[in-house]
N, C-alpha and C. Protein backbone atom coordinates (compact mmCIF):
# COMPACT_ATOMS: atom_id res chain seq x y z
N MET A 1 0.83 -1.20 0.00
CA MET A 1 0.00 0.00 0.00
C MET A 1 0.87 1.25 0.00
N LYS A 2 1.95 1.27 0.82
CA LYS A 2 2.82 2.44 0.88
C LYS A 2 3.46 2.71 -0.47
N LYS A 3 3.85 1.64 -1.18
CA LYS A 3 4.47 1.81 -2.49
C LYS A 3 3.49 2.44 -3.47
N ILE A 4 2.23 2.04 -3.40
CA ILE A 4 1.23 2.61 -4.29
C ILE A 4 1.02 4.09 -4.00
N ILE A 5 0.96 4.44 -2.71
CA ILE A 5 0.78 5.84 -2.32
C ILE A 5 1.94 6.70 -2.81
N PHE A 6 3.17 6.20 -2.62
CA PHE A 6 4.34 6.95 -3.08
C PHE A 6 4.33 7.09 -4.60
N ALA A 7 3.88 6.05 -5.31
CA ALA A 7 3.82 6.12 -6.77
C ALA A 7 2.82 7.16 -7.23
N VAL A 8 1.67 7.23 -6.56
CA VAL A 8 0.66 8.23 -6.91
C VAL A 8 1.19 9.63 -6.67
N ILE A 9 1.87 9.85 -5.55
CA ILE A 9 2.45 11.16 -5.25
C ILE A 9 3.48 11.54 -6.30
N ALA A 10 4.29 10.58 -6.73
CA ALA A 10 5.31 10.85 -7.74
C ALA A 10 4.69 11.23 -9.07
N VAL A 11 3.60 10.56 -9.45
CA VAL A 11 2.91 10.88 -10.70
C VAL A 11 2.35 12.29 -10.67
N PHE A 12 1.70 12.67 -9.55
CA PHE A 12 1.16 14.03 -9.44
C PHE A 12 2.27 15.07 -9.43
N ALA A 13 3.40 14.76 -8.82
CA ALA A 13 4.52 15.69 -8.81
C ALA A 13 5.05 15.93 -10.21
N LEU A 14 5.12 14.84 -11.00
CA LEU A 14 5.57 14.97 -12.38
C LEU A 14 4.59 15.79 -13.20
N ALA A 15 3.30 15.53 -12.98
CA ALA A 15 2.27 16.25 -13.73
C ALA A 15 2.27 17.73 -13.41
N ALA A 16 2.68 18.09 -12.20
CA ALA A 16 2.66 19.48 -11.77
C ALA A 16 3.90 20.26 -12.20
N THR A 17 4.88 19.59 -12.82
CA THR A 17 6.11 20.25 -13.22
C THR A 17 5.87 21.11 -14.46
N PRO A 18 6.06 22.42 -14.36
CA PRO A 18 5.77 23.31 -15.49
C PRO A 18 6.58 22.99 -16.74
N THR A 19 7.84 22.55 -16.58
CA THR A 19 8.71 22.31 -17.73
C THR A 19 8.30 21.07 -18.50
N ALA A 20 7.40 20.26 -17.95
CA ALA A 20 7.02 19.05 -18.65
C ALA A 20 6.19 19.36 -19.89
N LYS A 21 5.48 20.50 -19.93
CA LYS A 21 4.66 20.92 -21.06
C LYS A 21 3.69 19.82 -21.46
N ALA A 22 2.99 19.28 -20.52
CA ALA A 22 2.08 18.19 -20.79
C ALA A 22 0.84 18.70 -21.52
N GLN A 23 0.28 17.84 -22.36
CA GLN A 23 -0.96 18.12 -23.07
C GLN A 23 -2.11 17.53 -22.27
N PHE A 24 -2.97 18.41 -21.75
CA PHE A 24 -4.05 17.97 -20.87
C PHE A 24 -5.38 18.05 -21.60
N ARG A 25 -6.15 16.96 -21.55
CA ARG A 25 -7.48 16.92 -22.14
C ARG A 25 -8.43 16.20 -21.19
N TYR A 26 -9.70 16.47 -21.33
CA TYR A 26 -10.69 15.80 -20.49
C TYR A 26 -12.01 15.71 -21.24
N GLY A 27 -12.92 14.87 -20.72
CA GLY A 27 -14.22 14.75 -21.36
C GLY A 27 -15.07 13.68 -20.71
N PRO A 28 -16.31 13.55 -21.19
CA PRO A 28 -17.24 12.57 -20.60
C PRO A 28 -16.89 11.15 -21.01
N MET A 29 -17.29 10.21 -20.15
CA MET A 29 -17.05 8.79 -20.40
C MET A 29 -18.28 8.00 -19.97
N ALA A 30 -18.57 6.91 -20.69
CA ALA A 30 -19.63 5.98 -20.30
C ALA A 30 -19.20 4.58 -20.69
N GLY A 31 -19.68 3.59 -19.94
CA GLY A 31 -19.28 2.23 -20.25
C GLY A 31 -20.16 1.19 -19.60
N ILE A 32 -19.99 -0.05 -20.03
CA ILE A 32 -20.67 -1.19 -19.44
C ILE A 32 -19.60 -2.16 -18.94
N SER A 33 -20.00 -3.02 -18.00
CA SER A 33 -19.01 -3.93 -17.42
C SER A 33 -19.65 -5.25 -17.02
N LEU A 34 -18.84 -6.27 -16.89
CA LEU A 34 -19.23 -7.56 -16.35
C LEU A 34 -18.50 -7.69 -15.02
N THR A 35 -19.24 -7.71 -13.91
CA THR A 35 -18.64 -7.68 -12.59
C THR A 35 -18.89 -8.98 -11.84
N ASP A 36 -18.01 -9.29 -10.91
CA ASP A 36 -18.11 -10.54 -10.16
C ASP A 36 -17.53 -10.33 -8.76
N LEU A 37 -17.85 -11.26 -7.87
CA LEU A 37 -17.29 -11.28 -6.52
C LEU A 37 -16.54 -12.58 -6.32
N LYS A 38 -15.31 -12.49 -5.85
CA LYS A 38 -14.47 -13.67 -5.62
C LYS A 38 -14.30 -13.88 -4.12
N PHE A 39 -15.04 -14.86 -3.56
CA PHE A 39 -14.96 -15.16 -2.14
C PHE A 39 -13.77 -16.08 -1.85
N LYS A 40 -13.29 -16.04 -0.62
CA LYS A 40 -12.13 -16.84 -0.24
C LYS A 40 -12.44 -18.33 -0.26
N GLN A 41 -13.68 -18.71 0.08
CA GLN A 41 -14.08 -20.12 0.07
C GLN A 41 -15.23 -20.31 -0.92
N ASP A 42 -15.26 -21.48 -1.53
CA ASP A 42 -16.29 -21.79 -2.50
C ASP A 42 -17.47 -22.45 -1.79
N LEU A 43 -18.30 -21.62 -1.14
CA LEU A 43 -19.41 -22.13 -0.34
C LEU A 43 -20.75 -22.05 -1.05
N VAL A 44 -20.94 -21.05 -1.91
CA VAL A 44 -22.21 -20.85 -2.61
C VAL A 44 -21.93 -20.54 -4.08
N SER A 45 -22.95 -20.71 -4.91
CA SER A 45 -22.81 -20.40 -6.32
C SER A 45 -22.94 -18.89 -6.54
N ILE A 46 -22.17 -18.37 -7.48
CA ILE A 46 -22.12 -16.93 -7.74
C ILE A 46 -22.19 -16.70 -9.24
N ASP A 47 -23.02 -15.77 -9.65
CA ASP A 47 -23.16 -15.42 -11.06
C ASP A 47 -22.77 -13.96 -11.28
N PRO A 48 -21.95 -13.69 -12.29
CA PRO A 48 -21.58 -12.30 -12.59
C PRO A 48 -22.82 -11.49 -13.01
N THR A 49 -22.73 -10.18 -12.87
CA THR A 49 -23.82 -9.29 -13.29
C THR A 49 -23.26 -8.18 -14.17
N VAL A 50 -24.17 -7.52 -14.88
CA VAL A 50 -23.80 -6.40 -15.75
C VAL A 50 -23.92 -5.10 -14.97
N GLY A 51 -22.88 -4.28 -15.02
CA GLY A 51 -22.90 -2.98 -14.38
C GLY A 51 -22.64 -1.88 -15.40
N PHE A 52 -22.54 -0.67 -14.93
CA PHE A 52 -22.26 0.45 -15.83
C PHE A 52 -21.43 1.50 -15.10
N SER A 53 -20.84 2.38 -15.88
CA SER A 53 -20.05 3.48 -15.32
C SER A 53 -20.30 4.72 -16.16
N ALA A 54 -20.19 5.88 -15.53
CA ALA A 54 -20.37 7.15 -16.24
C ALA A 54 -19.74 8.27 -15.43
N GLY A 55 -19.08 9.18 -16.12
CA GLY A 55 -18.45 10.30 -15.43
C GLY A 55 -17.50 11.05 -16.34
N VAL A 56 -16.39 11.47 -15.77
CA VAL A 56 -15.40 12.27 -16.49
C VAL A 56 -14.03 11.62 -16.36
N ILE A 57 -13.27 11.60 -17.45
CA ILE A 57 -11.88 11.16 -17.40
C ILE A 57 -11.00 12.25 -17.99
N ALA A 58 -9.72 12.21 -17.65
CA ALA A 58 -8.75 13.19 -18.16
C ALA A 58 -7.47 12.47 -18.54
N GLU A 59 -6.79 13.05 -19.50
CA GLU A 59 -5.53 12.49 -19.99
C GLU A 59 -4.48 13.59 -20.02
N MET A 60 -3.30 13.27 -19.51
CA MET A 60 -2.17 14.20 -19.53
C MET A 60 -0.99 13.48 -20.18
N MET A 61 -0.67 13.85 -21.41
CA MET A 61 0.40 13.20 -22.16
C MET A 61 1.59 14.15 -22.31
N PHE A 62 2.79 13.57 -22.29
CA PHE A 62 4.03 14.33 -22.43
C PHE A 62 4.57 14.15 -23.85
N PRO A 63 4.56 15.21 -24.66
CA PRO A 63 4.93 15.10 -26.07
C PRO A 63 6.33 14.53 -26.28
N GLY A 64 6.45 13.73 -27.33
CA GLY A 64 7.75 13.21 -27.72
C GLY A 64 8.13 11.89 -27.11
N ILE A 65 7.48 11.49 -26.00
CA ILE A 65 7.86 10.23 -25.35
C ILE A 65 6.72 9.22 -25.34
N GLY A 66 5.52 9.67 -25.60
CA GLY A 66 4.39 8.76 -25.68
C GLY A 66 3.80 8.36 -24.34
N PHE A 67 4.41 8.80 -23.24
CA PHE A 67 3.93 8.43 -21.91
C PHE A 67 3.12 9.56 -21.28
N GLY A 68 2.25 9.18 -20.37
CA GLY A 68 1.47 10.15 -19.64
C GLY A 68 0.68 9.47 -18.54
N ILE A 69 -0.33 10.15 -18.06
CA ILE A 69 -1.19 9.58 -17.03
C ILE A 69 -2.65 9.83 -17.42
N ASP A 70 -3.52 8.99 -16.90
CA ASP A 70 -4.94 9.30 -17.02
C ASP A 70 -5.58 9.25 -15.64
N LEU A 71 -6.54 10.15 -15.46
CA LEU A 71 -7.25 10.31 -14.19
C LEU A 71 -8.74 10.22 -14.47
N GLY A 72 -9.52 10.11 -13.43
CA GLY A 72 -10.95 10.07 -13.64
C GLY A 72 -11.75 10.30 -12.37
N LEU A 73 -13.02 10.58 -12.56
CA LEU A 73 -13.99 10.69 -11.47
C LEU A 73 -15.33 10.25 -12.05
N TYR A 74 -15.75 9.04 -11.66
CA TYR A 74 -16.98 8.53 -12.25
C TYR A 74 -17.70 7.56 -11.32
N PHE A 75 -18.99 7.40 -11.58
CA PHE A 75 -19.82 6.44 -10.86
C PHE A 75 -19.57 5.05 -11.45
N ASP A 76 -19.47 4.05 -10.57
CA ASP A 76 -19.19 2.68 -11.03
C ASP A 76 -20.05 1.70 -10.24
N GLU A 77 -20.83 0.90 -10.95
CA GLU A 77 -21.68 -0.10 -10.32
C GLU A 77 -21.05 -1.48 -10.49
N ARG A 78 -20.92 -2.20 -9.35
CA ARG A 78 -20.34 -3.55 -9.38
C ARG A 78 -21.22 -4.49 -8.57
N GLY A 79 -20.83 -5.78 -8.52
CA GLY A 79 -21.57 -6.73 -7.71
C GLY A 79 -21.69 -8.08 -8.36
N ALA A 80 -22.63 -8.91 -7.84
CA ALA A 80 -22.86 -10.25 -8.36
C ALA A 80 -24.14 -10.81 -7.75
N ASN A 81 -24.66 -11.87 -8.35
CA ASN A 81 -25.77 -12.60 -7.77
C ASN A 81 -25.20 -13.76 -6.94
N VAL A 82 -25.48 -13.75 -5.65
CA VAL A 82 -24.92 -14.73 -4.72
C VAL A 82 -26.06 -15.59 -4.18
N ASN A 83 -25.98 -16.90 -4.39
CA ASN A 83 -27.06 -17.80 -3.97
C ASN A 83 -26.82 -18.27 -2.54
N LEU A 84 -27.19 -17.40 -1.59
CA LEU A 84 -27.03 -17.74 -0.18
C LEU A 84 -27.91 -18.93 0.22
N GLY A 85 -28.96 -19.18 -0.56
CA GLY A 85 -29.83 -20.31 -0.28
C GLY A 85 -29.18 -21.67 -0.44
N ASP A 86 -27.96 -21.70 -0.98
CA ASP A 86 -27.22 -22.96 -1.09
C ASP A 86 -26.84 -23.51 0.28
N ARG A 87 -26.84 -22.66 1.30
CA ARG A 87 -26.43 -23.07 2.65
C ARG A 87 -27.60 -22.93 3.62
N VAL A 88 -27.78 -23.96 4.45
CA VAL A 88 -28.91 -24.02 5.37
C VAL A 88 -28.91 -22.83 6.33
N MET A 89 -27.71 -22.39 6.76
CA MET A 89 -27.62 -21.31 7.75
C MET A 89 -28.23 -20.02 7.23
N TRP A 90 -28.21 -19.82 5.91
CA TRP A 90 -28.85 -18.64 5.32
C TRP A 90 -30.25 -18.96 4.82
N GLN A 91 -30.44 -20.20 4.34
CA GLN A 91 -31.74 -20.59 3.83
C GLN A 91 -32.83 -20.49 4.90
N THR A 92 -32.47 -20.89 6.13
CA THR A 92 -33.44 -20.83 7.22
C THR A 92 -33.79 -19.40 7.62
N GLN A 93 -32.96 -18.44 7.21
CA GLN A 93 -33.25 -17.03 7.48
C GLN A 93 -34.02 -16.38 6.34
N GLY A 94 -34.37 -17.16 5.33
CA GLY A 94 -35.16 -16.65 4.22
C GLY A 94 -34.37 -16.14 3.04
N TYR A 95 -33.06 -16.37 3.04
CA TYR A 95 -32.24 -15.90 1.93
C TYR A 95 -32.23 -16.93 0.80
N GLY A 96 -32.20 -16.44 -0.43
CA GLY A 96 -32.07 -17.29 -1.61
C GLY A 96 -30.98 -16.73 -2.50
N LYS A 97 -31.30 -16.54 -3.79
CA LYS A 97 -30.34 -15.89 -4.68
C LYS A 97 -30.46 -14.38 -4.49
N GLU A 98 -29.44 -13.79 -3.94
CA GLU A 98 -29.45 -12.36 -3.59
C GLU A 98 -28.53 -11.57 -4.53
N HIS A 99 -29.02 -10.42 -4.94
CA HIS A 99 -28.21 -9.53 -5.77
C HIS A 99 -27.45 -8.56 -4.86
N ILE A 100 -26.14 -8.73 -4.81
CA ILE A 100 -25.29 -7.82 -4.04
C ILE A 100 -24.78 -6.75 -4.99
N ALA A 101 -25.30 -5.54 -4.84
CA ALA A 101 -24.91 -4.41 -5.68
C ALA A 101 -24.07 -3.44 -4.86
N LEU A 102 -22.99 -2.97 -5.45
CA LEU A 102 -22.07 -2.04 -4.81
C LEU A 102 -21.89 -0.82 -5.72
N HIS A 103 -22.14 0.35 -5.17
CA HIS A 103 -22.05 1.59 -5.95
C HIS A 103 -20.88 2.43 -5.43
N TYR A 104 -19.99 2.81 -6.34
CA TYR A 104 -18.77 3.51 -5.96
C TYR A 104 -18.59 4.82 -6.74
N VAL A 105 -17.86 5.73 -6.14
CA VAL A 105 -17.18 6.80 -6.87
C VAL A 105 -15.78 6.28 -7.14
N ALA A 106 -15.42 6.14 -8.41
CA ALA A 106 -14.12 5.59 -8.78
C ALA A 106 -13.14 6.70 -9.10
N LEU A 107 -11.89 6.52 -8.63
CA LEU A 107 -10.82 7.50 -8.82
C LEU A 107 -9.60 6.77 -9.38
N PRO A 108 -9.49 6.62 -10.69
CA PRO A 108 -8.33 5.95 -11.29
C PRO A 108 -7.12 6.89 -11.40
N VAL A 109 -5.94 6.34 -11.23
CA VAL A 109 -4.68 7.05 -11.47
C VAL A 109 -3.77 6.07 -12.20
N HIS A 110 -3.72 6.18 -13.52
CA HIS A 110 -3.03 5.19 -14.34
C HIS A 110 -1.86 5.79 -15.11
N LEU A 111 -0.84 5.01 -15.29
CA LEU A 111 0.22 5.34 -16.25
C LEU A 111 -0.24 4.89 -17.63
N ARG A 112 0.06 5.69 -18.64
CA ARG A 112 -0.44 5.40 -19.98
C ARG A 112 0.66 5.55 -21.02
N PHE A 113 0.64 4.68 -22.03
CA PHE A 113 1.53 4.82 -23.18
C PHE A 113 0.68 4.80 -24.44
N LYS A 114 0.85 5.84 -25.26
CA LYS A 114 0.12 5.95 -26.53
C LYS A 114 1.14 5.95 -27.67
N TYR A 115 0.94 5.05 -28.64
CA TYR A 115 1.88 4.94 -29.77
C TYR A 115 1.44 5.88 -30.87
N THR A 116 2.25 6.90 -31.13
CA THR A 116 1.87 7.93 -32.10
C THR A 116 2.86 8.07 -33.25
N ASN A 117 3.84 7.18 -33.35
CA ASN A 117 4.83 7.25 -34.43
C ASN A 117 4.38 6.34 -35.58
N LEU A 118 3.29 6.74 -36.24
CA LEU A 118 2.68 5.89 -37.26
C LEU A 118 2.60 6.61 -38.62
N ASN A 119 3.52 7.54 -38.86
CA ASN A 119 3.59 8.25 -40.14
C ASN A 119 2.27 8.92 -40.54
N GLY A 120 1.61 9.51 -39.56
CA GLY A 120 0.38 10.23 -39.82
C GLY A 120 -0.89 9.43 -39.57
N PHE A 121 -0.78 8.10 -39.54
CA PHE A 121 -1.97 7.27 -39.31
C PHE A 121 -2.51 7.47 -37.89
N GLU A 122 -1.63 7.94 -36.97
CA GLU A 122 -2.09 8.18 -35.59
C GLU A 122 -3.18 9.25 -35.53
N ASP A 123 -3.30 10.08 -36.58
CA ASP A 123 -4.39 11.06 -36.61
C ASP A 123 -5.75 10.37 -36.80
N VAL A 124 -5.71 9.16 -37.34
CA VAL A 124 -6.93 8.38 -37.54
C VAL A 124 -7.13 7.40 -36.39
N LEU A 125 -6.08 6.67 -36.04
CA LEU A 125 -6.17 5.68 -34.97
C LEU A 125 -4.82 5.57 -34.27
N ALA A 126 -4.81 5.80 -32.96
CA ALA A 126 -3.59 5.69 -32.16
C ALA A 126 -3.84 4.70 -31.02
N PRO A 127 -3.15 3.56 -31.01
CA PRO A 127 -3.35 2.58 -29.93
C PRO A 127 -2.70 3.03 -28.64
N PHE A 128 -3.25 2.58 -27.51
CA PHE A 128 -2.67 2.90 -26.21
C PHE A 128 -2.92 1.77 -25.23
N VAL A 129 -2.08 1.74 -24.20
CA VAL A 129 -2.25 0.80 -23.09
C VAL A 129 -2.10 1.59 -21.79
N TYR A 130 -2.66 1.06 -20.70
CA TYR A 130 -2.54 1.75 -19.42
C TYR A 130 -2.66 0.76 -18.27
N ALA A 131 -2.13 1.16 -17.12
CA ALA A 131 -2.20 0.31 -15.93
C ALA A 131 -1.98 1.17 -14.70
N GLY A 132 -2.59 0.75 -13.59
CA GLY A 132 -2.39 1.47 -12.34
C GLY A 132 -3.54 1.24 -11.38
N PRO A 133 -3.50 1.88 -10.23
CA PRO A 133 -4.54 1.68 -9.22
C PRO A 133 -5.82 2.45 -9.54
N THR A 134 -6.94 1.88 -9.11
CA THR A 134 -8.23 2.56 -9.14
C THR A 134 -8.81 2.50 -7.73
N PHE A 135 -9.04 3.67 -7.15
CA PHE A 135 -9.59 3.76 -5.80
C PHE A 135 -11.10 3.92 -5.88
N GLY A 136 -11.82 3.18 -5.05
CA GLY A 136 -13.27 3.27 -5.02
C GLY A 136 -13.77 3.70 -3.64
N ILE A 137 -14.67 4.66 -3.62
CA ILE A 137 -15.31 5.10 -2.38
C ILE A 137 -16.77 4.66 -2.45
N ARG A 138 -17.20 3.81 -1.51
CA ARG A 138 -18.56 3.26 -1.57
C ARG A 138 -19.59 4.34 -1.27
N LEU A 139 -20.57 4.44 -2.16
CA LEU A 139 -21.68 5.35 -1.97
C LEU A 139 -22.89 4.65 -1.37
N ALA A 140 -23.18 3.44 -1.85
CA ALA A 140 -24.36 2.70 -1.41
C ALA A 140 -24.18 1.23 -1.74
N ASN A 141 -25.07 0.41 -1.20
CA ASN A 141 -25.06 -1.02 -1.47
C ASN A 141 -26.46 -1.58 -1.31
N SER A 142 -26.67 -2.78 -1.82
CA SER A 142 -27.97 -3.44 -1.69
C SER A 142 -28.20 -3.84 -0.24
N LYS A 143 -29.48 -4.04 0.11
CA LYS A 143 -29.85 -4.33 1.50
C LYS A 143 -29.88 -5.83 1.76
N VAL A 144 -28.74 -6.49 1.61
CA VAL A 144 -28.60 -7.90 1.98
C VAL A 144 -27.98 -7.92 3.37
N LYS A 145 -28.83 -8.09 4.39
CA LYS A 145 -28.39 -7.91 5.77
C LYS A 145 -27.48 -9.02 6.28
N ALA A 146 -27.34 -10.09 5.50
CA ALA A 146 -26.42 -11.16 5.90
C ALA A 146 -24.97 -10.76 5.69
N MET A 147 -24.74 -9.65 4.97
CA MET A 147 -23.39 -9.25 4.60
C MET A 147 -23.04 -7.89 5.21
N GLU A 148 -21.75 -7.68 5.41
CA GLU A 148 -21.20 -6.38 5.79
C GLU A 148 -20.41 -5.84 4.60
N TYR A 149 -20.22 -4.53 4.57
CA TYR A 149 -19.58 -3.90 3.42
C TYR A 149 -18.48 -2.95 3.87
N SER A 150 -17.39 -2.96 3.12
CA SER A 150 -16.29 -2.06 3.43
C SER A 150 -16.60 -0.67 2.89
N GLY A 151 -15.87 0.32 3.39
CA GLY A 151 -16.11 1.69 2.97
C GLY A 151 -15.51 2.04 1.62
N GLY A 152 -14.64 1.17 1.11
CA GLY A 152 -14.00 1.47 -0.17
C GLY A 152 -13.33 0.26 -0.76
N ASP A 153 -12.63 0.48 -1.86
CA ASP A 153 -12.00 -0.61 -2.60
C ASP A 153 -10.74 -0.09 -3.27
N LEU A 154 -9.74 -0.94 -3.36
CA LEU A 154 -8.53 -0.65 -4.12
C LEU A 154 -8.33 -1.76 -5.13
N GLY A 155 -8.27 -1.39 -6.41
CA GLY A 155 -8.05 -2.37 -7.46
C GLY A 155 -6.88 -1.98 -8.34
N LEU A 156 -6.33 -2.98 -9.03
CA LEU A 156 -5.31 -2.74 -10.04
C LEU A 156 -5.95 -2.96 -11.40
N GLU A 157 -5.89 -1.93 -12.23
CA GLU A 157 -6.58 -1.96 -13.52
C GLU A 157 -5.59 -1.99 -14.67
N PHE A 158 -5.88 -2.83 -15.66
CA PHE A 158 -5.05 -2.97 -16.84
C PHE A 158 -5.94 -2.82 -18.07
N GLY A 159 -5.53 -1.97 -19.02
CA GLY A 159 -6.40 -1.72 -20.15
C GLY A 159 -5.66 -1.52 -21.46
N ILE A 160 -6.43 -1.64 -22.54
CA ILE A 160 -5.92 -1.42 -23.89
C ILE A 160 -7.00 -0.73 -24.69
N GLY A 161 -6.61 0.11 -25.64
CA GLY A 161 -7.63 0.81 -26.40
C GLY A 161 -7.05 1.53 -27.60
N GLY A 162 -7.89 2.36 -28.19
CA GLY A 162 -7.48 3.12 -29.35
C GLY A 162 -8.15 4.49 -29.37
N GLU A 163 -7.41 5.49 -29.85
CA GLU A 163 -7.95 6.84 -29.99
C GLU A 163 -8.28 7.08 -31.45
N ILE A 164 -9.54 7.45 -31.71
CA ILE A 164 -10.04 7.62 -33.07
C ILE A 164 -10.20 9.10 -33.38
N LEU A 165 -9.55 9.54 -34.46
CA LEU A 165 -9.65 10.94 -34.93
C LEU A 165 -9.27 11.94 -33.84
N LYS A 166 -8.38 11.56 -32.95
CA LYS A 166 -7.85 12.41 -31.89
C LYS A 166 -8.90 12.91 -30.91
N LYS A 167 -10.08 12.30 -30.91
CA LYS A 167 -11.16 12.74 -30.04
C LYS A 167 -11.79 11.59 -29.26
N TRP A 168 -12.19 10.55 -29.98
CA TRP A 168 -12.88 9.43 -29.35
C TRP A 168 -11.88 8.40 -28.85
N GLN A 169 -12.11 7.89 -27.66
CA GLN A 169 -11.27 6.83 -27.12
C GLN A 169 -12.15 5.65 -26.71
N VAL A 170 -11.82 4.48 -27.23
CA VAL A 170 -12.52 3.24 -26.90
C VAL A 170 -11.51 2.33 -26.19
N SER A 171 -11.88 1.81 -25.03
CA SER A 171 -10.93 1.01 -24.27
C SER A 171 -11.62 -0.18 -23.61
N ALA A 172 -10.85 -1.23 -23.39
CA ALA A 172 -11.30 -2.40 -22.64
C ALA A 172 -10.32 -2.62 -21.50
N SER A 173 -10.83 -2.97 -20.31
CA SER A 173 -9.95 -3.09 -19.16
C SER A 173 -10.41 -4.19 -18.22
N TYR A 174 -9.48 -4.60 -17.36
CA TYR A 174 -9.76 -5.56 -16.30
C TYR A 174 -9.31 -4.96 -14.98
N ASN A 175 -10.20 -4.95 -13.99
CA ASN A 175 -9.90 -4.40 -12.67
C ASN A 175 -9.90 -5.54 -11.66
N LEU A 176 -8.74 -5.78 -11.06
CA LEU A 176 -8.59 -6.85 -10.07
C LEU A 176 -8.60 -6.24 -8.68
N GLY A 177 -9.65 -6.54 -7.90
CA GLY A 177 -9.75 -6.01 -6.55
C GLY A 177 -8.66 -6.56 -5.65
N MET A 178 -8.07 -5.68 -4.85
CA MET A 178 -6.98 -6.06 -3.95
C MET A 178 -7.42 -6.10 -2.49
N THR A 179 -8.58 -5.54 -2.18
CA THR A 179 -9.09 -5.51 -0.81
C THR A 179 -10.51 -6.05 -0.78
N TYR A 180 -10.97 -6.51 0.38
CA TYR A 180 -12.31 -7.07 0.44
C TYR A 180 -13.36 -5.95 0.36
N VAL A 181 -14.49 -6.27 -0.28
CA VAL A 181 -15.57 -5.30 -0.41
C VAL A 181 -16.81 -5.72 0.38
N THR A 182 -16.94 -7.02 0.66
CA THR A 182 -18.07 -7.50 1.46
C THR A 182 -17.65 -8.78 2.18
N LYS A 183 -18.30 -9.05 3.31
CA LYS A 183 -18.05 -10.29 4.05
C LYS A 183 -19.28 -10.68 4.84
N ALA A 184 -19.38 -11.99 5.13
CA ALA A 184 -20.54 -12.51 5.85
C ALA A 184 -20.47 -12.15 7.32
N LYS A 185 -21.63 -11.87 7.90
CA LYS A 185 -21.68 -11.50 9.32
C LYS A 185 -21.49 -12.70 10.24
N ILE A 186 -21.97 -13.88 9.84
CA ILE A 186 -21.99 -15.02 10.76
C ILE A 186 -20.85 -16.01 10.53
N LEU A 187 -19.95 -15.70 9.59
CA LEU A 187 -18.81 -16.58 9.34
C LEU A 187 -17.52 -15.80 9.56
N THR A 188 -16.48 -16.51 9.93
CA THR A 188 -15.16 -15.90 10.13
C THR A 188 -14.39 -15.90 8.82
N ASP A 189 -13.97 -14.74 8.39
CA ASP A 189 -13.10 -14.59 7.23
C ASP A 189 -13.74 -15.08 5.93
N TYR A 190 -15.04 -14.98 5.80
CA TYR A 190 -15.69 -15.28 4.53
C TYR A 190 -15.95 -13.96 3.81
N SER A 191 -14.96 -13.51 3.07
CA SER A 191 -15.00 -12.20 2.43
C SER A 191 -14.74 -12.33 0.94
N ALA A 192 -15.06 -11.26 0.22
CA ALA A 192 -14.92 -11.29 -1.23
C ALA A 192 -14.27 -10.01 -1.75
N ARG A 193 -13.52 -10.17 -2.82
CA ARG A 193 -12.98 -9.06 -3.59
C ARG A 193 -13.78 -8.93 -4.88
N SER A 194 -13.79 -7.76 -5.46
CA SER A 194 -14.52 -7.56 -6.71
C SER A 194 -13.58 -7.66 -7.91
N THR A 195 -14.13 -8.12 -9.03
CA THR A 195 -13.42 -8.10 -10.31
C THR A 195 -14.34 -7.47 -11.35
N GLU A 196 -13.75 -6.90 -12.38
CA GLU A 196 -14.57 -6.15 -13.34
C GLU A 196 -13.90 -6.12 -14.71
N TRP A 197 -14.63 -6.60 -15.73
CA TRP A 197 -14.25 -6.43 -17.13
C TRP A 197 -15.08 -5.27 -17.68
N SER A 198 -14.45 -4.28 -18.28
CA SER A 198 -15.18 -3.07 -18.71
C SER A 198 -14.89 -2.73 -20.16
N LEU A 199 -15.88 -2.15 -20.80
CA LEU A 199 -15.75 -1.56 -22.13
C LEU A 199 -16.27 -0.13 -22.03
N ARG A 200 -15.40 0.86 -22.34
CA ARG A 200 -15.75 2.27 -22.14
C ARG A 200 -15.48 3.09 -23.39
N VAL A 201 -16.28 4.14 -23.53
CA VAL A 201 -16.11 5.09 -24.63
C VAL A 201 -16.04 6.50 -24.03
N ALA A 202 -15.06 7.28 -24.48
CA ALA A 202 -14.88 8.65 -23.97
C ALA A 202 -14.68 9.60 -25.15
N TYR A 203 -15.05 10.85 -24.93
CA TYR A 203 -14.81 11.92 -25.90
C TYR A 203 -14.00 13.00 -25.20
N LEU A 204 -12.78 13.26 -25.71
CA LEU A 204 -11.88 14.20 -25.07
C LEU A 204 -11.82 15.52 -25.84
N PHE A 205 -11.94 16.62 -25.11
CA PHE A 205 -11.87 17.95 -25.72
C PHE A 205 -10.42 18.43 -25.80
């Protein structure tokens, strides 16, 4: 965790350097995702669910080297369908297949590389890749009283995409949760991390 914090501070320090002459752009983003919960023990059946995200992202690129950072502030819905009725201890309490929904404000801070040495073709399509932490602050959750919920989430996100006509960006990413987001009240250490496959579209000004 300390290494991640120091890395984030270093990225912001670089971005704040006037001599870097970074190109800063921002714009709206929307996307859909396939989300899941990975519990420590395989006690009940779990089905992924479809979520969505919407908000604002920003890109800061440093000319001549192809590297930069991307930031964001957006709403992100995650979760899964968890069949608590598979176990008698929950079945007797009236639980069956429960939809555990988690709503976050997501704050990504990613390192990015965009390949722009394509003899002018980059004006039409420029591929890019990115990776880094995504911080989540929980806003709300579903009312499944058998579970407890953490106040936030830390994930490592890896993505690939393309910039079309220097304005539109289409990307696909995978977010691997590093901390627990929910756990059972009546069991010891029965907790889950979230995972998320996403497809997003953004328009940068």
